[in-house]
Amino acid sequence: MTKKSDAAGSVTAKAVRTSEGLRDVLFDELDSLRGGKSSPQKATAVAKLSGEICSTVRMEMDYYRMV
């Protein structure tokens, strides 16, 4: 994951678009939640989004098995 600061000084991260990158994002969010730097609402949103990403990958894999 690459991290960079925005104009306000907060750190934003761009996830590496691999399964390893997705795991990194999820574990980073879990660490932030445990450390009090994130909210349950944000953690839920990240988890839901990652589930949708996994669903699209699963669909692609199913498609390529059929063709």
C-alpha atoms as a PDB file:
ATOM      1  CA  MET A   1       0.000   0.000   0.000  1.00  0.00           C
ATOM      2  CA  THR A   2       1.382   3.422  -0.880  1.00  0.00           C
ATOM      3  CA  LYS A   3       0.742   6.234   1.555  1.00  0.00           C
ATOM      4  CA  LYS A   4       0.772   9.961   0.876  1.00  0.00           C
ATOM      5  CA  SER A   5      -0.337  13.053   2.743  1.00  0.00           C
ATOM      6  CA  ASP A   6      -3.046  15.316   1.423  1.00  0.00           C
ATOM      7  CA  ALA A   7      -3.262  19.107   1.780  1.00  0.00           C
ATOM      8  CA  ALA A   8      -4.780  18.809   5.267  1.00  0.00           C
ATOM      9  CA  GLY A   9      -1.885  16.611   6.392  1.00  0.00           C
ATOM     10  CA  SER A  10      -3.902  13.443   6.856  1.00  0.00           C
ATOM     11  CA  VAL A  11      -2.429  10.276   5.422  1.00  0.00           C
ATOM     12  CA  THR A  12      -4.304   8.630   2.595  1.00  0.00           C
ATOM     13  CA  ALA A  13      -3.370   5.255   1.222  1.00  0.00           C
ATOM     14  CA  LYS A  14      -3.842   3.751  -2.195  1.00  0.00           C
ATOM     15  CA  ALA A  15      -4.261   0.002  -1.981  1.00  0.00           C
ATOM     16  CA  VAL A  16      -2.253  -2.301  -4.164  1.00  0.00           C
ATOM     17  CA  ARG A  17      -4.880  -4.002  -6.304  1.00  0.00           C
ATOM     18  CA  THR A  18      -4.085  -7.596  -5.464  1.00  0.00           C
ATOM     19  CA  SER A  19      -5.491 -10.052  -2.943  1.00  0.00           C
ATOM     20  CA  GLU A  20      -2.473  -9.305  -0.767  1.00  0.00           C
ATOM     21  CA  GLY A  21      -3.203  -5.579  -1.008  1.00  0.00           C
ATOM     22  CA  LEU A  22      -6.821  -6.184  -0.011  1.00  0.00           C
ATOM     23  CA  ARG A  23      -5.694  -8.183   3.016  1.00  0.00           C
ATOM     24  CA  ASP A  24      -3.311  -5.352   3.952  1.00  0.00           C
ATOM     25  CA  VAL A  25      -6.154  -2.833   3.801  1.00  0.00           C
ATOM     26  CA  LEU A  26      -8.392  -5.045   5.949  1.00  0.00           C
ATOM     27  CA  PHE A  27      -5.705  -5.642   8.564  1.00  0.00           C
ATOM     28  CA  ASP A  28      -4.779  -1.931   8.585  1.00  0.00           C
ATOM     29  CA  GLU A  29      -8.426  -1.076   9.195  1.00  0.00           C
ATOM     30  CA  LEU A  30      -8.633  -3.658  11.979  1.00  0.00           C
ATOM     31  CA  ASP A  31      -5.516  -2.198  13.604  1.00  0.00           C
ATOM     32  CA  SER A  32      -6.965   1.319  13.305  1.00  0.00           C
ATOM     33  CA  LEU A  33     -10.231   0.199  14.846  1.00  0.00           C
ATOM     34  CA  ARG A  34      -8.470  -1.493  17.752  1.00  0.00           C
ATOM     35  CA  GLY A  35      -6.245   1.554  18.213  1.00  0.00           C
ATOM     36  CA  GLY A  36      -9.202   3.935  18.355  1.00  0.00           C
ATOM     37  CA  LYS A  37      -8.221   5.685  15.105  1.00  0.00           C
ATOM     38  CA  SER A  38     -11.221   4.393  13.149  1.00  0.00           C
ATOM     39  CA  SER A  39     -14.919   4.022  13.773  1.00  0.00           C
ATOM     40  CA  PRO A  40     -17.098   0.918  13.625  1.00  0.00           C
ATOM     41  CA  GLN A  41     -19.036   2.557  10.770  1.00  0.00           C
ATOM     42  CA  LYS A  42     -15.886   3.004   8.681  1.00  0.00           C
ATOM     43  CA  ALA A  43     -14.705  -0.536   9.451  1.00  0.00           C
ATOM     44  CA  THR A  44     -18.110  -1.874   8.377  1.00  0.00           C
ATOM     45  CA  ALA A  45     -17.945   0.118   5.143  1.00  0.00           C
ATOM     46  CA  VAL A  46     -14.445  -1.193   4.390  1.00  0.00           C
ATOM     47  CA  ALA A  47     -15.552  -4.771   5.106  1.00  0.00           C
ATOM     48  CA  LYS A  48     -18.626  -4.454   2.863  1.00  0.00           C
ATOM     49  CA  LEU A  49     -16.594  -2.956   0.047  1.00  0.00           C
ATOM     50  CA  SER A  50     -13.995  -5.712   0.278  1.00  0.00           C
ATOM     51  CA  GLY A  51     -16.800  -8.278   0.146  1.00  0.00           C
ATOM     52  CA  GLU A  52     -18.070  -6.708  -3.068  1.00  0.00           C
ATOM     53  CA  ILE A  53     -14.566  -6.803  -4.545  1.00  0.00           C
ATOM     54  CA  CYS A  54     -14.296 -10.501  -3.674  1.00  0.00           C
ATOM     55  CA  SER A  55     -17.699 -11.141  -5.251  1.00  0.00           C
ATOM     56  CA  THR A  56     -16.627  -9.594  -8.544  1.00  0.00           C
ATOM     57  CA  VAL A  57     -13.436 -11.659  -8.558  1.00  0.00           C
ATOM     58  CA  ARG A  58     -15.465 -14.796  -7.836  1.00  0.00           C
ATOM     59  CA  MET A  59     -17.782 -13.962 -10.754  1.00  0.00           C
ATOM     60  CA  GLU A  60     -14.816 -13.490 -13.089  1.00  0.00           C
ATOM     61  CA  MET A  61     -13.331 -16.809 -12.016  1.00  0.00           C
ATOM     62  CA  ASP A  62     -16.655 -18.591 -12.557  1.00  0.00           C
ATOM     63  CA  TYR A  63     -16.967 -17.004 -15.996  1.00  0.00           C
ATOM     64  CA  TYR A  64     -13.490 -18.100 -17.079  1.00  0.00           C
ATOM     65  CA  ARG A  65     -14.204 -21.648 -15.898  1.00  0.00           C
ATOM     66  CA  MET A  66     -17.257 -21.758 -18.174  1.00  0.00           C
ATOM     67  CA  VAL A  67     -15.616 -20.434 -21.324  1.00  0.00           C
END
